[in-house]
């Protein structure tokens, strides 16, 4: 299992500099290896975040809290901003490699009190009548995945009651790593759905959404 030496901890402490408020993460774990690795990483992250990151562990049969937050598998991390609001993101994989970069960026984003709604999404928010689930299949070894994760997380944080971001493990075919990330948007009931693989600019995300749902 990955351990963190003093150099790692100093690097983590530097990454957390500038956190404006305290972000809380509910971490749902089981007895599997993935949960143990996730717990190790989150423990090191919280220990070096200048008391600006609180990690609350829910292990095993903590079903009521899991059900309330829509947790279907473990390990899963749920992020709450500095005001205690659910950010709408569910990170359902080990936060290692490139994915850990997105964790740092998201915690920093949620710690700020003056977050801005993504410009491309802002005109659509008043017209979102149904909840949208954005799923991003990603991998710790995928350098293309952070962009998709960040877009999904910012959309969810902008409208947590209308957009849910779910980041989960995706397996790349050797030699075809460009197949990740895989992104899908749906209303959850599969009334409509759009999906793609690879990196698309955020404006194309909006275009894909408008192609399948009437927001008039």
N, C-alpha and C. Protein backbone atom coordinates (compact mmCIF):
# COMPACT_ATOMS: atom_id res chain seq x y z
N UNK A 1 0.84 -1.19 0.00
CA UNK A 1 0.00 0.00 0.00
C UNK A 1 0.87 1.24 0.00
N UNK A 2 0.48 2.28 -0.69
CA UNK A 2 1.23 3.52 -0.79
C UNK A 2 1.33 4.18 0.58
N UNK A 3 2.56 4.57 0.97
CA UNK A 3 2.75 5.33 2.18
C UNK A 3 3.27 6.72 1.82
N UNK A 4 3.15 7.66 2.74
CA UNK A 4 3.54 9.03 2.48
C UNK A 4 4.70 9.40 3.40
N UNK A 5 5.84 9.74 2.81
CA UNK A 5 6.99 10.15 3.61
C UNK A 5 6.94 11.66 3.86
N UNK A 6 7.96 12.17 4.51
CA UNK A 6 7.97 13.58 4.87
C UNK A 6 7.95 14.49 3.64
N UNK A 7 8.66 14.07 2.61
CA UNK A 7 8.67 14.87 1.38
C UNK A 7 7.27 14.94 0.77
N UNK A 8 6.58 13.80 0.74
CA UNK A 8 5.21 13.78 0.23
C UNK A 8 4.31 14.72 1.02
N UNK A 9 4.47 14.69 2.34
CA UNK A 9 3.61 15.50 3.19
C UNK A 9 3.90 16.99 3.02
N UNK A 10 5.15 17.34 2.82
CA UNK A 10 5.48 18.74 2.56
C UNK A 10 4.87 19.20 1.24
N UNK A 11 4.93 18.32 0.24
CA UNK A 11 4.34 18.65 -1.06
C UNK A 11 2.83 18.84 -0.94
N UNK A 12 2.19 17.93 -0.20
CA UNK A 12 0.75 18.05 0.00
C UNK A 12 0.40 19.35 0.72
N UNK A 13 1.18 19.69 1.75
CA UNK A 13 0.91 20.91 2.49
C UNK A 13 0.99 22.14 1.59
N UNK A 14 1.95 22.14 0.68
CA UNK A 14 2.07 23.26 -0.26
C UNK A 14 0.89 23.31 -1.22
N UNK A 15 0.40 22.13 -1.63
CA UNK A 15 -0.74 22.09 -2.53
C UNK A 15 -2.00 22.66 -1.89
N UNK A 16 -2.11 22.54 -0.58
CA UNK A 16 -3.31 23.01 0.12
C UNK A 16 -3.23 24.48 0.50
N UNK A 17 -2.11 25.13 0.29
CA UNK A 17 -2.00 26.53 0.67
C UNK A 17 -3.05 27.37 -0.05
N UNK A 18 -3.62 28.31 0.65
CA UNK A 18 -4.60 29.19 0.03
C UNK A 18 -6.04 28.75 0.23
N UNK A 19 -6.28 27.66 0.97
CA UNK A 19 -7.66 27.26 1.24
C UNK A 19 -8.33 28.35 2.08
N UNK A 20 -9.44 28.87 1.58
CA UNK A 20 -10.10 29.99 2.25
C UNK A 20 -11.02 29.53 3.36
N UNK A 21 -11.72 28.43 3.16
CA UNK A 21 -12.66 27.91 4.15
C UNK A 21 -12.45 26.42 4.34
N UNK A 22 -13.19 25.85 5.27
CA UNK A 22 -13.04 24.44 5.58
C UNK A 22 -14.01 23.60 4.76
N UNK A 23 -13.47 22.64 4.03
CA UNK A 23 -14.25 21.72 3.21
C UNK A 23 -14.35 20.38 3.95
N UNK A 24 -15.52 19.78 3.89
CA UNK A 24 -15.75 18.50 4.55
C UNK A 24 -16.02 17.42 3.51
N UNK A 25 -15.47 16.24 3.75
CA UNK A 25 -15.68 15.10 2.86
C UNK A 25 -16.23 13.94 3.68
N UNK A 26 -17.37 13.40 3.27
CA UNK A 26 -17.87 12.16 3.83
C UNK A 26 -17.30 11.03 3.00
N UNK A 27 -16.53 10.14 3.64
CA UNK A 27 -15.84 9.06 2.94
C UNK A 27 -16.47 7.73 3.34
N UNK A 28 -17.05 7.05 2.36
CA UNK A 28 -17.73 5.77 2.60
C UNK A 28 -16.80 4.64 2.19
N UNK A 29 -16.53 3.73 3.16
CA UNK A 29 -15.54 2.69 2.98
C UNK A 29 -16.11 1.32 3.29
N UNK A 30 -15.45 0.29 2.74
CA UNK A 30 -15.72 -1.08 3.14
C UNK A 30 -14.38 -1.75 3.45
N UNK A 31 -14.33 -3.06 3.45
CA UNK A 31 -13.10 -3.76 3.80
C UNK A 31 -12.23 -4.10 2.60
N UNK A 32 -12.57 -3.61 1.43
CA UNK A 32 -11.82 -3.93 0.22
C UNK A 32 -10.52 -3.16 0.11
N UNK A 33 -9.67 -3.65 -0.79
CA UNK A 33 -8.36 -3.03 -0.98
C UNK A 33 -8.49 -1.59 -1.48
N UNK A 34 -9.45 -1.34 -2.38
CA UNK A 34 -9.63 0.01 -2.90
C UNK A 34 -9.98 0.98 -1.77
N UNK A 35 -10.82 0.56 -0.85
CA UNK A 35 -11.17 1.42 0.29
C UNK A 35 -9.96 1.69 1.17
N UNK A 36 -9.13 0.67 1.38
CA UNK A 36 -7.94 0.88 2.21
C UNK A 36 -6.99 1.87 1.56
N UNK A 37 -6.83 1.78 0.24
CA UNK A 37 -5.95 2.72 -0.45
C UNK A 37 -6.54 4.13 -0.42
N UNK A 38 -7.84 4.22 -0.64
CA UNK A 38 -8.49 5.53 -0.60
C UNK A 38 -8.37 6.15 0.79
N UNK A 39 -8.54 5.35 1.83
CA UNK A 39 -8.46 5.85 3.20
C UNK A 39 -7.06 6.38 3.49
N UNK A 40 -6.03 5.68 3.02
CA UNK A 40 -4.65 6.13 3.22
C UNK A 40 -4.42 7.49 2.59
N UNK A 41 -4.91 7.67 1.37
CA UNK A 41 -4.71 8.94 0.66
C UNK A 41 -5.49 10.06 1.33
N UNK A 42 -6.74 9.81 1.69
CA UNK A 42 -7.55 10.85 2.33
C UNK A 42 -7.00 11.21 3.71
N UNK A 43 -6.46 10.23 4.44
CA UNK A 43 -5.86 10.51 5.74
C UNK A 43 -4.68 11.45 5.60
N UNK A 44 -3.81 11.17 4.62
CA UNK A 44 -2.65 12.03 4.38
C UNK A 44 -3.08 13.42 3.93
N UNK A 45 -4.11 13.47 3.10
CA UNK A 45 -4.60 14.76 2.61
C UNK A 45 -5.12 15.62 3.75
N UNK A 46 -5.96 15.04 4.61
CA UNK A 46 -6.53 15.80 5.71
C UNK A 46 -5.46 16.24 6.70
N UNK A 47 -4.45 15.40 6.93
CA UNK A 47 -3.41 15.70 7.91
C UNK A 47 -2.53 16.87 7.49
N UNK A 48 -2.50 17.17 6.20
CA UNK A 48 -1.61 18.21 5.70
C UNK A 48 -2.35 19.46 5.22
N UNK A 49 -3.66 19.52 5.43
CA UNK A 49 -4.47 20.59 4.86
C UNK A 49 -4.73 21.74 5.82
N UNK A 50 -3.88 21.88 6.82
CA UNK A 50 -3.96 23.04 7.72
C UNK A 50 -5.33 23.16 8.38
N UNK A 51 -5.93 22.01 8.71
CA UNK A 51 -7.24 21.94 9.35
C UNK A 51 -8.35 22.56 8.50
N UNK A 52 -8.12 22.62 7.20
CA UNK A 52 -9.13 23.14 6.27
C UNK A 52 -9.82 22.02 5.49
N UNK A 53 -9.49 20.79 5.80
CA UNK A 53 -10.14 19.64 5.16
C UNK A 53 -10.48 18.64 6.26
N UNK A 54 -11.76 18.39 6.43
CA UNK A 54 -12.24 17.43 7.42
C UNK A 54 -12.77 16.21 6.68
N UNK A 55 -12.28 15.03 7.05
CA UNK A 55 -12.73 13.78 6.43
C UNK A 55 -13.48 12.97 7.48
N UNK A 56 -14.76 12.72 7.21
CA UNK A 56 -15.60 11.92 8.10
C UNK A 56 -15.77 10.54 7.49
N UNK A 57 -15.31 9.52 8.19
CA UNK A 57 -15.35 8.15 7.66
C UNK A 57 -16.64 7.45 8.05
N UNK A 58 -17.22 6.78 7.07
CA UNK A 58 -18.42 5.96 7.29
C UNK A 58 -18.07 4.57 6.80
N UNK A 59 -17.97 3.62 7.72
CA UNK A 59 -17.47 2.30 7.37
C UNK A 59 -18.57 1.25 7.52
N UNK A 60 -18.62 0.36 6.55
CA UNK A 60 -19.49 -0.81 6.67
C UNK A 60 -20.96 -0.48 6.66
N UNK A 61 -21.62 -0.70 7.78
CA UNK A 61 -23.08 -0.69 7.81
C UNK A 61 -23.70 0.66 8.11
N UNK A 62 -23.01 1.74 7.77
CA UNK A 62 -23.59 3.07 7.97
C UNK A 62 -24.55 3.36 6.81
N UNK A 63 -25.64 2.60 6.76
CA UNK A 63 -26.51 2.61 5.58
C UNK A 63 -27.41 3.83 5.50
N UNK A 64 -27.82 4.38 6.64
CA UNK A 64 -28.73 5.51 6.61
C UNK A 64 -28.09 6.72 5.94
N UNK A 65 -26.87 7.03 6.33
CA UNK A 65 -26.18 8.17 5.73
C UNK A 65 -25.90 7.90 4.26
N UNK A 66 -25.49 6.67 3.95
CA UNK A 66 -25.21 6.31 2.56
C UNK A 66 -26.46 6.44 1.70
N UNK A 67 -27.58 5.98 2.21
CA UNK A 67 -28.84 6.06 1.45
C UNK A 67 -29.24 7.51 1.25
N UNK A 68 -29.06 8.33 2.28
CA UNK A 68 -29.46 9.73 2.18
C UNK A 68 -28.67 10.46 1.11
N UNK A 69 -27.43 10.04 0.90
CA UNK A 69 -26.56 10.70 -0.08
C UNK A 69 -26.49 9.95 -1.41
N UNK A 70 -27.24 8.87 -1.54
CA UNK A 70 -27.27 8.13 -2.79
C UNK A 70 -26.01 7.36 -3.09
N UNK A 71 -25.39 6.79 -2.05
CA UNK A 71 -24.15 6.05 -2.23
C UNK A 71 -24.46 4.60 -2.59
N UNK A 72 -23.94 4.16 -3.74
CA UNK A 72 -24.22 2.80 -4.20
C UNK A 72 -23.01 1.88 -4.09
N UNK A 73 -21.81 2.43 -4.02
CA UNK A 73 -20.60 1.60 -3.94
C UNK A 73 -19.55 2.32 -3.11
N UNK A 74 -18.52 1.59 -2.74
CA UNK A 74 -17.46 2.12 -1.90
C UNK A 74 -16.10 1.71 -2.46
N UNK A 75 -15.09 2.55 -2.36
CA UNK A 75 -15.06 3.84 -1.68
C UNK A 75 -15.73 4.94 -2.48
N UNK A 76 -16.44 5.81 -1.80
CA UNK A 76 -17.04 6.99 -2.41
C UNK A 76 -16.83 8.18 -1.49
N UNK A 77 -16.42 9.30 -2.09
CA UNK A 77 -16.25 10.54 -1.35
C UNK A 77 -17.32 11.53 -1.78
N UNK A 78 -17.95 12.18 -0.80
CA UNK A 78 -18.96 13.21 -1.05
C UNK A 78 -18.41 14.52 -0.49
N UNK A 79 -18.38 15.56 -1.31
CA UNK A 79 -17.78 16.83 -0.94
C UNK A 79 -18.83 17.84 -0.48
N UNK A 80 -18.52 18.55 0.62
CA UNK A 80 -19.36 19.62 1.12
C UNK A 80 -18.54 20.90 1.16
N UNK A 81 -19.13 22.00 0.68
CA UNK A 81 -18.37 23.24 0.58
C UNK A 81 -18.21 23.90 1.95
N UNK A 82 -17.57 25.06 1.97
CA UNK A 82 -17.25 25.73 3.23
C UNK A 82 -18.48 26.14 4.01
N UNK A 83 -19.64 26.21 3.34
CA UNK A 83 -20.89 26.54 4.01
C UNK A 83 -21.66 25.28 4.43
N UNK A 84 -21.06 24.11 4.19
CA UNK A 84 -21.70 22.86 4.58
C UNK A 84 -22.66 22.30 3.56
N UNK A 85 -22.71 22.89 2.36
CA UNK A 85 -23.64 22.43 1.32
C UNK A 85 -23.03 21.28 0.52
N UNK A 86 -23.87 20.29 0.22
CA UNK A 86 -23.47 19.18 -0.63
C UNK A 86 -23.11 19.74 -2.01
N UNK A 87 -21.90 19.44 -2.46
CA UNK A 87 -21.44 20.00 -3.74
C UNK A 87 -22.02 19.29 -4.95
N UNK A 88 -22.69 18.14 -4.71
CA UNK A 88 -23.27 17.41 -5.84
C UNK A 88 -22.34 16.41 -6.49
N UNK A 89 -21.09 16.28 -6.01
CA UNK A 89 -20.13 15.35 -6.61
C UNK A 89 -20.00 14.09 -5.78
N UNK A 90 -19.96 12.94 -6.47
CA UNK A 90 -19.69 11.65 -5.85
C UNK A 90 -18.46 11.07 -6.53
N UNK A 91 -17.34 10.98 -5.81
CA UNK A 91 -16.10 10.45 -6.35
C UNK A 91 -15.99 8.99 -5.93
N UNK A 92 -16.26 8.09 -6.87
CA UNK A 92 -16.37 6.67 -6.57
C UNK A 92 -15.18 5.90 -7.13
N UNK A 93 -14.00 6.28 -6.68
CA UNK A 93 -12.77 5.58 -7.05
C UNK A 93 -11.65 6.07 -6.15
N UNK A 94 -10.51 5.40 -6.22
CA UNK A 94 -9.36 5.79 -5.42
C UNK A 94 -8.79 7.09 -5.99
N UNK A 95 -8.62 8.13 -5.16
CA UNK A 95 -8.16 9.43 -5.66
C UNK A 95 -6.65 9.49 -5.84
N UNK A 96 -6.13 8.71 -6.76
CA UNK A 96 -4.69 8.64 -6.98
C UNK A 96 -4.33 9.29 -8.32
N UNK A 97 -3.03 9.46 -8.55
CA UNK A 97 -2.53 9.92 -9.84
C UNK A 97 -3.18 11.22 -10.30
N UNK A 98 -3.59 11.22 -11.57
CA UNK A 98 -4.20 12.42 -12.14
C UNK A 98 -5.51 12.78 -11.45
N UNK A 99 -6.21 11.79 -10.92
CA UNK A 99 -7.47 12.07 -10.24
C UNK A 99 -7.23 12.88 -8.97
N UNK A 100 -6.10 12.63 -8.29
CA UNK A 100 -5.82 13.39 -7.08
C UNK A 100 -5.66 14.88 -7.39
N UNK A 101 -5.15 15.20 -8.56
CA UNK A 101 -5.06 16.61 -8.96
C UNK A 101 -6.43 17.27 -8.94
N UNK A 102 -7.44 16.53 -9.40
CA UNK A 102 -8.79 17.09 -9.43
C UNK A 102 -9.35 17.24 -8.02
N UNK A 103 -8.96 16.33 -7.11
CA UNK A 103 -9.40 16.45 -5.72
C UNK A 103 -8.88 17.75 -5.11
N UNK A 104 -7.60 18.02 -5.30
CA UNK A 104 -7.01 19.25 -4.77
C UNK A 104 -7.71 20.47 -5.36
N UNK A 105 -7.90 20.46 -6.67
CA UNK A 105 -8.55 21.60 -7.33
C UNK A 105 -9.98 21.79 -6.83
N UNK A 106 -10.69 20.69 -6.64
CA UNK A 106 -12.10 20.79 -6.21
C UNK A 106 -12.20 21.28 -4.78
N UNK A 107 -11.34 20.80 -3.90
CA UNK A 107 -11.36 21.27 -2.51
C UNK A 107 -11.04 22.75 -2.46
N UNK A 108 -10.05 23.18 -3.23
CA UNK A 108 -9.72 24.61 -3.27
C UNK A 108 -10.92 25.42 -3.80
N UNK A 109 -11.58 24.90 -4.81
CA UNK A 109 -12.73 25.57 -5.40
C UNK A 109 -13.86 25.69 -4.38
N UNK A 110 -14.14 24.60 -3.64
CA UNK A 110 -15.24 24.60 -2.69
C UNK A 110 -14.93 25.42 -1.45
N UNK A 111 -13.65 25.66 -1.19
CA UNK A 111 -13.28 26.44 0.00
C UNK A 111 -13.53 27.93 -0.20
N UNK A 112 -13.66 28.36 -1.43
CA UNK A 112 -13.84 29.79 -1.72
C UNK A 112 -15.30 30.19 -1.52
N UNK A 113 -15.52 31.41 -1.09
CA UNK A 113 -16.88 31.91 -0.86
C UNK A 113 -17.45 32.64 -2.07
N UNK A 114 -16.59 32.94 -3.05
CA UNK A 114 -17.04 33.74 -4.20
C UNK A 114 -16.98 32.94 -5.49
N UNK A 115 -17.42 31.67 -5.43
CA UNK A 115 -17.38 30.83 -6.61
C UNK A 115 -18.35 31.36 -7.67
N UNK A 116 -17.93 31.28 -8.90
CA UNK A 116 -18.76 31.76 -10.00
C UNK A 116 -19.34 30.58 -10.77
N UNK A 117 -20.56 30.72 -11.19
CA UNK A 117 -21.19 29.71 -12.03
C UNK A 117 -20.49 29.70 -13.39
N UNK A 118 -20.14 28.51 -13.92
CA UNK A 118 -19.51 28.47 -15.24
C UNK A 118 -20.32 29.26 -16.26
N UNK A 119 -19.64 30.11 -17.01
CA UNK A 119 -20.33 31.04 -17.91
C UNK A 119 -21.22 30.33 -18.91
N UNK A 120 -20.77 29.18 -19.43
CA UNK A 120 -21.55 28.48 -20.43
C UNK A 120 -22.80 27.82 -19.84
N UNK A 121 -22.73 27.51 -18.53
CA UNK A 121 -23.86 26.84 -17.89
C UNK A 121 -24.88 27.82 -17.34
N UNK A 122 -24.45 29.01 -16.97
CA UNK A 122 -25.31 29.98 -16.30
C UNK A 122 -26.65 30.21 -17.01
N UNK A 123 -26.68 30.41 -18.33
CA UNK A 123 -27.97 30.66 -18.99
C UNK A 123 -28.91 29.45 -18.95
N UNK A 124 -28.36 28.27 -18.74
CA UNK A 124 -29.19 27.06 -18.77
C UNK A 124 -29.82 26.75 -17.42
N UNK A 125 -29.18 27.21 -16.32
CA UNK A 125 -29.63 26.80 -14.99
C UNK A 125 -31.10 27.07 -14.73
N UNK A 126 -31.63 28.26 -15.05
CA UNK A 126 -33.05 28.49 -14.77
C UNK A 126 -33.97 27.59 -15.58
N UNK A 127 -33.44 26.95 -16.62
CA UNK A 127 -34.27 26.15 -17.52
C UNK A 127 -34.13 24.65 -17.26
N UNK A 128 -33.30 24.26 -16.28
CA UNK A 128 -33.14 22.85 -15.97
C UNK A 128 -34.29 22.40 -15.09
N UNK A 129 -35.27 21.73 -15.69
CA UNK A 129 -36.46 21.33 -14.95
C UNK A 129 -36.28 19.99 -14.24
N UNK A 130 -35.36 19.16 -14.69
CA UNK A 130 -35.19 17.84 -14.09
C UNK A 130 -33.72 17.65 -13.70
N UNK A 131 -33.47 16.81 -12.70
CA UNK A 131 -32.08 16.54 -12.32
C UNK A 131 -31.31 15.90 -13.46
N UNK A 132 -30.07 16.30 -13.63
CA UNK A 132 -29.19 15.74 -14.64
C UNK A 132 -28.06 15.01 -13.94
N UNK A 133 -27.79 13.79 -14.36
CA UNK A 133 -26.67 13.01 -13.83
C UNK A 133 -25.56 13.01 -14.87
N UNK A 134 -24.39 13.53 -14.49
CA UNK A 134 -23.22 13.52 -15.35
C UNK A 134 -22.26 12.47 -14.81
N UNK A 135 -22.02 11.43 -15.60
CA UNK A 135 -21.09 10.37 -15.18
C UNK A 135 -19.80 10.49 -15.98
N UNK A 136 -18.69 10.45 -15.26
CA UNK A 136 -17.37 10.51 -15.89
C UNK A 136 -16.60 9.26 -15.50
N UNK A 137 -16.31 8.42 -16.48
CA UNK A 137 -15.44 7.27 -16.24
C UNK A 137 -14.01 7.74 -16.44
N UNK A 138 -13.19 7.54 -15.40
CA UNK A 138 -11.84 8.08 -15.41
C UNK A 138 -10.87 7.04 -14.86
N UNK A 139 -9.58 7.36 -14.97
CA UNK A 139 -8.54 6.49 -14.45
C UNK A 139 -7.43 7.35 -13.87
N UNK A 140 -6.79 6.84 -12.83
CA UNK A 140 -5.69 7.57 -12.21
C UNK A 140 -4.54 7.80 -13.17
N UNK A 141 -4.43 6.95 -14.20
CA UNK A 141 -3.32 7.04 -15.15
C UNK A 141 -3.68 7.80 -16.41
N UNK A 142 -4.86 8.39 -16.46
CA UNK A 142 -5.34 9.06 -17.67
C UNK A 142 -5.09 10.56 -17.59
N UNK A 143 -4.19 11.10 -18.41
CA UNK A 143 -3.90 12.54 -18.36
C UNK A 143 -5.01 13.39 -18.97
N UNK A 144 -5.94 12.76 -19.69
CA UNK A 144 -7.03 13.50 -20.34
C UNK A 144 -8.24 13.64 -19.43
N UNK A 145 -8.28 12.87 -18.34
CA UNK A 145 -9.48 12.80 -17.51
C UNK A 145 -9.72 14.02 -16.62
N UNK A 146 -8.69 14.69 -16.09
CA UNK A 146 -8.97 15.82 -15.19
C UNK A 146 -9.88 16.88 -15.77
N UNK A 147 -9.75 17.17 -17.07
CA UNK A 147 -10.61 18.19 -17.67
C UNK A 147 -12.08 17.81 -17.52
N UNK A 148 -12.42 16.58 -17.88
CA UNK A 148 -13.82 16.14 -17.80
C UNK A 148 -14.31 16.13 -16.36
N UNK A 149 -13.47 15.68 -15.43
CA UNK A 149 -13.88 15.65 -14.03
C UNK A 149 -14.15 17.06 -13.53
N UNK A 150 -13.28 18.00 -13.87
CA UNK A 150 -13.44 19.37 -13.39
C UNK A 150 -14.71 20.01 -13.95
N UNK A 151 -15.01 19.79 -15.23
CA UNK A 151 -16.23 20.35 -15.80
C UNK A 151 -17.45 19.79 -15.06
N UNK A 152 -17.49 18.48 -14.88
CA UNK A 152 -18.62 17.84 -14.20
C UNK A 152 -18.77 18.36 -12.78
N UNK A 153 -17.65 18.48 -12.06
CA UNK A 153 -17.71 18.96 -10.68
C UNK A 153 -18.18 20.40 -10.59
N UNK A 154 -17.74 21.24 -11.50
CA UNK A 154 -18.16 22.65 -11.46
C UNK A 154 -19.64 22.78 -11.81
N UNK A 155 -20.12 21.96 -12.74
CA UNK A 155 -21.54 21.98 -13.05
C UNK A 155 -22.36 21.58 -11.83
N UNK A 156 -21.92 20.52 -11.16
CA UNK A 156 -22.66 20.04 -9.99
C UNK A 156 -22.63 21.06 -8.86
N UNK A 157 -21.48 21.68 -8.62
CA UNK A 157 -21.37 22.67 -7.55
C UNK A 157 -22.21 23.90 -7.84
N UNK A 158 -22.38 24.22 -9.12
CA UNK A 158 -23.19 25.38 -9.50
C UNK A 158 -24.67 25.12 -9.28
N UNK A 159 -25.10 23.86 -9.42
CA UNK A 159 -26.52 23.53 -9.29
C UNK A 159 -26.67 22.15 -8.66
N UNK A 160 -26.28 21.99 -7.38
CA UNK A 160 -26.24 20.66 -6.76
C UNK A 160 -27.59 19.96 -6.69
N UNK A 161 -28.69 20.72 -6.73
CA UNK A 161 -30.01 20.10 -6.69
C UNK A 161 -30.51 19.69 -8.08
N UNK A 162 -29.79 20.14 -9.10
CA UNK A 162 -30.22 19.85 -10.46
C UNK A 162 -29.18 19.11 -11.29
N UNK A 163 -27.93 19.09 -10.80
CA UNK A 163 -26.87 18.36 -11.49
C UNK A 163 -26.12 17.52 -10.47
N UNK A 164 -25.97 16.23 -10.76
CA UNK A 164 -25.18 15.33 -9.92
C UNK A 164 -24.00 14.83 -10.75
N UNK A 165 -22.79 14.99 -10.24
CA UNK A 165 -21.59 14.49 -10.91
C UNK A 165 -21.14 13.21 -10.23
N UNK A 166 -20.98 12.16 -11.01
CA UNK A 166 -20.51 10.87 -10.49
C UNK A 166 -19.23 10.51 -11.25
N UNK A 167 -18.13 10.42 -10.52
CA UNK A 167 -16.85 10.06 -11.13
C UNK A 167 -16.52 8.64 -10.70
N UNK A 168 -16.35 7.75 -11.66
CA UNK A 168 -16.12 6.35 -11.35
C UNK A 168 -14.99 5.78 -12.17
N UNK A 169 -14.56 4.60 -11.78
CA UNK A 169 -13.41 3.96 -12.42
C UNK A 169 -13.77 3.51 -13.82
N UNK A 170 -12.89 3.85 -14.77
CA UNK A 170 -13.05 3.40 -16.14
C UNK A 170 -11.78 2.71 -16.59
N UNK A 171 -11.91 1.59 -17.25
CA UNK A 171 -10.74 0.83 -17.68
C UNK A 171 -10.42 1.15 -19.14
N UNK A 172 -9.22 1.63 -19.37
CA UNK A 172 -8.78 1.94 -20.72
C UNK A 172 -8.27 0.68 -21.41
N UNK A 173 -8.54 0.56 -22.69
CA UNK A 173 -8.00 -0.54 -23.48
C UNK A 173 -6.55 -0.21 -23.78
N UNK A 174 -5.59 -1.12 -23.48
CA UNK A 174 -4.18 -0.82 -23.73
C UNK A 174 -3.95 -0.35 -25.17
N UNK A 175 -3.25 0.76 -25.29
CA UNK A 175 -2.99 1.32 -26.60
C UNK A 175 -4.08 2.25 -27.08
N UNK A 176 -5.17 2.33 -26.32
CA UNK A 176 -6.29 3.20 -26.70
C UNK A 176 -6.72 4.05 -25.51
N UNK A 177 -5.74 4.62 -24.80
CA UNK A 177 -6.04 5.41 -23.62
C UNK A 177 -6.90 6.62 -23.95
N UNK A 178 -6.90 7.03 -25.24
CA UNK A 178 -7.71 8.18 -25.60
C UNK A 178 -9.20 7.90 -25.46
N UNK A 179 -9.57 6.63 -25.26
CA UNK A 179 -10.98 6.29 -25.05
C UNK A 179 -11.49 6.81 -23.71
N UNK A 180 -10.58 7.18 -22.82
CA UNK A 180 -10.96 7.83 -21.58
C UNK A 180 -10.65 9.32 -21.68
N UNK A 181 -11.45 10.16 -21.04
CA UNK A 181 -12.61 9.83 -20.22
C UNK A 181 -13.82 9.44 -21.07
N UNK A 182 -14.75 8.72 -20.46
CA UNK A 182 -16.04 8.46 -21.07
C UNK A 182 -17.08 9.23 -20.25
N UNK A 183 -17.87 10.02 -20.93
CA UNK A 183 -18.82 10.90 -20.26
C UNK A 183 -20.23 10.60 -20.75
N UNK A 184 -21.17 10.58 -19.84
CA UNK A 184 -22.58 10.46 -20.22
C UNK A 184 -23.39 11.45 -19.41
N UNK A 185 -24.45 11.96 -20.03
CA UNK A 185 -25.42 12.81 -19.34
C UNK A 185 -26.79 12.21 -19.55
N UNK A 186 -27.56 12.11 -18.47
CA UNK A 186 -28.89 11.53 -18.53
C UNK A 186 -29.75 12.16 -17.45
N UNK A 187 -31.05 11.93 -17.54
CA UNK A 187 -31.94 12.40 -16.48
C UNK A 187 -32.08 11.37 -15.37
N UNK A 188 -31.30 10.30 -15.44
CA UNK A 188 -31.34 9.26 -14.42
C UNK A 188 -32.33 8.17 -14.74
N UNK A 189 -33.47 8.53 -15.34
CA UNK A 189 -34.47 7.55 -15.73
C UNK A 189 -34.26 7.08 -17.17
N UNK A 190 -33.19 7.58 -17.79
CA UNK A 190 -32.85 7.22 -19.17
C UNK A 190 -33.92 7.66 -20.17
N UNK A 191 -34.70 8.69 -19.82
CA UNK A 191 -35.64 9.26 -20.78
C UNK A 191 -34.88 9.84 -21.96
N UNK A 192 -33.74 10.43 -21.66
CA UNK A 192 -32.83 10.91 -22.70
C UNK A 192 -31.39 10.66 -22.23
N UNK A 193 -30.50 10.61 -23.18
CA UNK A 193 -29.11 10.30 -22.85
C UNK A 193 -28.20 10.79 -23.98
N UNK A 194 -27.04 11.32 -23.61
CA UNK A 194 -26.00 11.62 -24.57
C UNK A 194 -24.67 11.18 -23.97
N UNK A 195 -23.77 10.69 -24.79
CA UNK A 195 -22.50 10.19 -24.27
C UNK A 195 -21.41 10.30 -25.31
N UNK A 196 -20.18 10.33 -24.84
CA UNK A 196 -19.03 10.41 -25.74
C UNK A 196 -17.78 9.95 -25.02
N UNK A 197 -16.71 9.74 -25.77
CA UNK A 197 -15.41 9.38 -25.23
C UNK A 197 -14.40 10.43 -25.65
N UNK A 198 -13.41 10.65 -24.80
CA UNK A 198 -12.36 11.60 -25.12
C UNK A 198 -12.65 12.99 -24.60
N UNK A 199 -11.77 13.91 -24.92
CA UNK A 199 -11.85 15.28 -24.40
C UNK A 199 -12.67 16.16 -25.34
N UNK A 200 -13.69 16.80 -24.79
CA UNK A 200 -14.48 17.79 -25.52
C UNK A 200 -14.45 19.10 -24.74
N UNK A 201 -14.40 20.23 -25.43
CA UNK A 201 -14.48 21.51 -24.73
C UNK A 201 -15.85 21.68 -24.07
N UNK A 202 -15.93 22.52 -23.06
CA UNK A 202 -17.17 22.68 -22.30
C UNK A 202 -18.32 23.15 -23.17
N UNK A 203 -18.05 23.96 -24.17
CA UNK A 203 -19.13 24.43 -25.04
C UNK A 203 -19.78 23.26 -25.78
N UNK A 204 -18.99 22.20 -26.05
CA UNK A 204 -19.55 21.03 -26.71
C UNK A 204 -20.41 20.22 -25.73
N UNK A 205 -20.07 20.25 -24.44
CA UNK A 205 -20.93 19.62 -23.44
C UNK A 205 -22.32 20.26 -23.48
N UNK A 206 -22.35 21.59 -23.54
CA UNK A 206 -23.63 22.30 -23.60
C UNK A 206 -24.38 21.93 -24.87
N UNK A 207 -23.67 21.86 -25.99
CA UNK A 207 -24.31 21.51 -27.26
C UNK A 207 -24.88 20.09 -27.19
N UNK A 208 -24.14 19.16 -26.60
CA UNK A 208 -24.64 17.79 -26.48
C UNK A 208 -25.90 17.74 -25.61
N UNK A 209 -25.90 18.52 -24.52
CA UNK A 209 -27.07 18.56 -23.66
C UNK A 209 -28.27 19.12 -24.40
N UNK A 210 -28.09 20.20 -25.12
CA UNK A 210 -29.18 20.83 -25.85
C UNK A 210 -29.69 19.95 -26.97
N UNK A 211 -28.88 19.01 -27.44
CA UNK A 211 -29.30 18.14 -28.54
C UNK A 211 -30.28 17.06 -28.10
N UNK A 212 -30.35 16.82 -26.79
CA UNK A 212 -31.19 15.71 -26.33
C UNK A 212 -32.31 16.14 -25.38
N UNK A 213 -32.25 17.36 -24.87
CA UNK A 213 -33.30 17.78 -23.93
C UNK A 213 -33.77 19.18 -24.31
N UNK A 214 -35.08 19.38 -24.22
CA UNK A 214 -35.68 20.66 -24.55
C UNK A 214 -35.67 21.55 -23.31
N UNK A 215 -34.90 22.63 -23.37
CA UNK A 215 -34.78 23.56 -22.25
C UNK A 215 -35.53 24.86 -22.51
N UNK A 216 -36.42 24.84 -23.51
CA UNK A 216 -37.15 26.07 -23.84
C UNK A 216 -38.21 26.38 -22.80
